Each structure stands twice: as C-alpha cells, then as structure tokens.
C-alpha cells in the first residue's frame, strides 16, 4: 500500500492513466485483504460441527 501511494504522491501532474492505475491497484489490494479476512474467519471443513 505504501509503494502504491508513493507514486501519485510524488507526481505533480496526475494523468488519467496514473489515477486509473492507482485506483485499480488500491481496489485490488483491498479485495485481497477482504478475501483473506473473510476466508480466515471460518473454521476448516473438518472442524465444523455437523448439523
């Protein structure tokens, strides 16, 4: 996240391509975090109690 934010912060002239790349990188990172925390919140199938 820090490296992704450094590029737009260091540029004086933001282009549409830079903003689009930053947005895609940021949203992709957030999606990976969301999937990671969503998947680690559930116990494995072998540990779940049977209904």
Protein backbone atom coordinates (compact mmCIF):
# COMPACT_ATOMS: atom_id res chain seq x y z
CA UNK A 1 0.00 0.00 0.00
CA UNK A 2 2.82 2.39 0.75
CA UNK A 3 4.53 1.91 -2.60
CA UNK A 4 1.22 2.24 -4.41
CA UNK A 5 0.52 5.55 -2.69
CA UNK A 6 4.01 6.95 -3.22
CA UNK A 7 3.74 7.18 -7.00
CA UNK A 8 0.74 9.55 -7.10
CA UNK A 9 2.07 11.49 -4.10
CA UNK A 10 5.42 12.22 -5.82
CA UNK A 11 3.93 13.32 -9.16
CA UNK A 12 2.95 16.95 -9.60
CA UNK A 13 0.94 16.22 -12.74
CA UNK A 14 -1.52 13.38 -12.34
CA UNK A 15 -2.74 11.91 -15.60
CA UNK A 16 -5.83 9.84 -16.12
CA UNK A 17 -3.65 6.76 -16.60
CA UNK A 18 -1.91 7.31 -13.25
CA UNK A 19 -5.20 7.79 -11.43
CA UNK A 20 -6.68 4.71 -13.11
CA UNK A 21 -3.64 2.59 -12.26
CA UNK A 22 -3.69 3.78 -8.65
CA UNK A 23 -7.41 3.04 -8.36
CA UNK A 24 -7.05 -0.46 -9.81
CA UNK A 25 -4.07 -1.24 -7.56
CA UNK A 26 -5.81 0.09 -4.46
CA UNK A 27 -9.07 -1.75 -5.13
CA UNK A 28 -7.18 -4.95 -5.94
CA UNK A 29 -5.28 -4.73 -2.67
CA UNK A 30 -8.46 -4.11 -0.71
CA UNK A 31 -10.17 -7.04 -2.43
CA UNK A 32 -7.30 -9.36 -1.50
CA UNK A 33 -7.50 -8.22 2.13
CA UNK A 34 -11.26 -8.72 2.12
CA UNK A 35 -10.93 -12.27 0.75
CA UNK A 36 -8.12 -13.06 3.20
CA UNK A 37 -10.04 -11.97 6.28
CA UNK A 38 -13.29 -13.48 5.01
CA UNK A 39 -11.65 -16.88 4.44
CA UNK A 40 -9.71 -16.94 7.73
CA UNK A 41 -12.82 -16.16 9.77
CA UNK A 42 -14.33 -19.60 9.13
CA UNK A 43 -13.01 -22.83 10.63
CA UNK A 44 -11.87 -25.54 8.23
CA UNK A 45 -14.47 -28.01 6.98
CA UNK A 46 -13.06 -30.84 9.15
CA UNK A 47 -13.53 -28.75 12.32
CA UNK A 48 -17.08 -27.55 11.70
CA UNK A 49 -19.77 -29.29 13.73
CA UNK A 50 -22.18 -31.40 11.72
CA UNK A 51 -25.81 -30.23 11.79
